[in-house]
Protein backbone atom coordinates (compact mmCIF):
# COMPACT_ATOMS: atom_id res chain seq x y z
CA MET A 1 -10.02 -9.93 -32.92
CA ALA A 2 -7.67 -8.54 -30.25
CA THR A 3 -10.61 -7.66 -28.02
CA ALA A 4 -11.99 -11.19 -28.24
CA THR A 5 -8.57 -12.63 -27.33
CA ARG A 6 -8.27 -10.34 -24.32
CA LYS A 7 -11.77 -11.24 -23.21
CA THR A 8 -10.99 -14.96 -23.49
CA ARG A 9 -7.76 -14.52 -21.51
CA GLY A 10 -9.61 -12.49 -18.89
CA THR A 11 -12.25 -15.20 -18.51
CA ALA A 12 -9.60 -17.92 -18.28
CA ALA A 13 -7.70 -15.92 -15.66
CA ARG A 14 -10.87 -15.46 -13.58
CA LYS A 15 -11.65 -19.19 -13.77
CA LYS A 16 -8.10 -20.02 -12.68
CA ALA A 17 -8.34 -17.54 -9.81
CA VAL A 18 -11.58 -19.12 -8.63
CA ALA A 19 -10.01 -22.60 -8.81
CA ILE A 20 -6.98 -21.42 -6.83
CA ASP A 21 -9.24 -19.72 -4.30
CA SER A 22 -11.21 -22.88 -3.66
CA ALA A 23 -8.05 -25.03 -3.58
CA LEU A 24 -6.59 -22.79 -0.87
CA GLY A 25 -9.70 -22.80 1.26
CA ALA A 26 -9.75 -21.43 4.80
CA GLU A 27 -5.97 -21.37 5.17
CA LYS A 28 -5.75 -18.68 2.51
CA ASN A 29 -8.18 -16.49 4.43
CA GLU A 30 -6.08 -16.79 7.57
CA LEU A 31 -2.89 -15.96 5.65
CA LEU A 32 -4.57 -13.01 3.95
CA GLU A 33 -5.85 -11.70 7.29
CA GLU A 34 -2.39 -11.97 8.85
CA LEU A 35 -0.85 -10.15 5.89
CA ALA A 36 -3.52 -7.44 6.03
CA ALA A 37 -3.08 -6.98 9.78
CA GLU A 38 0.68 -6.56 9.42
CA ALA A 39 0.19 -4.17 6.50
CA LYS A 40 -1.94 -1.98 8.78
CA VAL A 41 0.83 -2.03 11.40
CA TYR A 42 3.38 -1.04 8.76
CA ILE A 43 1.24 1.82 7.44
CA GLU A 44 0.67 3.18 10.95
CA LEU A 45 4.38 3.00 11.80
CA LEU A 46 5.28 4.70 8.52
CA ARG A 47 2.73 7.44 9.19
CA LYS A 48 4.22 8.07 12.64
CA LEU A 49 7.76 8.05 11.27
CA LYS A 50 6.93 10.54 8.53
CA SER A 51 5.45 12.98 11.03
CA MET A 52 8.31 12.61 13.52
CA PRO A 53 11.19 15.10 13.43
CA GLU A 54 14.63 13.67 12.59
CA SER A 55 15.88 14.88 15.97
CA ASP A 56 13.26 12.98 18.00
CA PRO A 57 15.04 10.48 20.27
CA ARG A 58 12.18 7.98 19.82
CA ARG A 59 12.83 7.82 16.08
CA ALA A 60 15.40 5.03 16.32
CA ASP A 61 12.95 2.81 18.20
CA LEU A 62 10.25 3.52 15.65
CA GLU A 63 12.63 2.73 12.79
CA GLY A 64 13.41 -0.58 14.50
CA GLU A 65 9.70 -1.37 14.77
CA LEU A 66 9.26 -0.48 11.11
CA TYR A 67 12.11 -2.84 10.17
CA GLY A 68 10.43 -5.62 12.14
CA SER A 69 7.12 -4.92 10.45
CA ILE A 70 8.75 -5.13 7.01
CA ALA A 71 10.28 -8.48 7.98
CA HIS A 72 6.85 -9.72 9.10
CA LEU A 73 5.27 -8.52 5.84
CA SER A 74 7.90 -10.42 3.91
CA THR A 75 7.28 -13.59 5.93
CA HIS A 76 3.50 -13.40 5.58
CA ALA A 77 3.73 -12.68 1.85
CA THR A 78 6.15 -15.57 1.33
CA LEU A 79 3.88 -17.99 3.20
CA LEU A 80 0.89 -16.87 1.16
CA LEU A 81 2.79 -17.24 -2.11
CA GLU A 82 3.91 -20.73 -1.11
CA GLU A 83 0.32 -21.77 -0.40
CA ILE A 84 -0.84 -20.31 -3.71
CA ASP A 85 1.92 -22.21 -5.53
CA LYS A 86 0.86 -25.45 -3.80
CA ALA A 87 -2.76 -24.82 -4.78
CA ILE A 88 -1.76 -24.23 -8.39
CA ASP A 89 0.23 -27.45 -8.40
CA ARG A 90 -2.86 -29.34 -7.16
CA LEU A 91 -5.00 -28.06 -10.05
């Protein structure tokens, strides 16, 4: 019984995801691409920061860039969530 319920919920969730995906359309793809691009920037900055000695004078600049990248990630994620919420409301 529990397996059947989970399967039904899983199917319903997939159907809802497909409906949201089509309601978002091309704008979602652009928002996802922007978020993915900034995530790559963040990962690269974090990689550089982890390999940089604490005493390196360039560290402060890199930490500032990392802070900016985190702010951009937050903005992109918020915009995407807002669009998803709008799409859900239209369903």
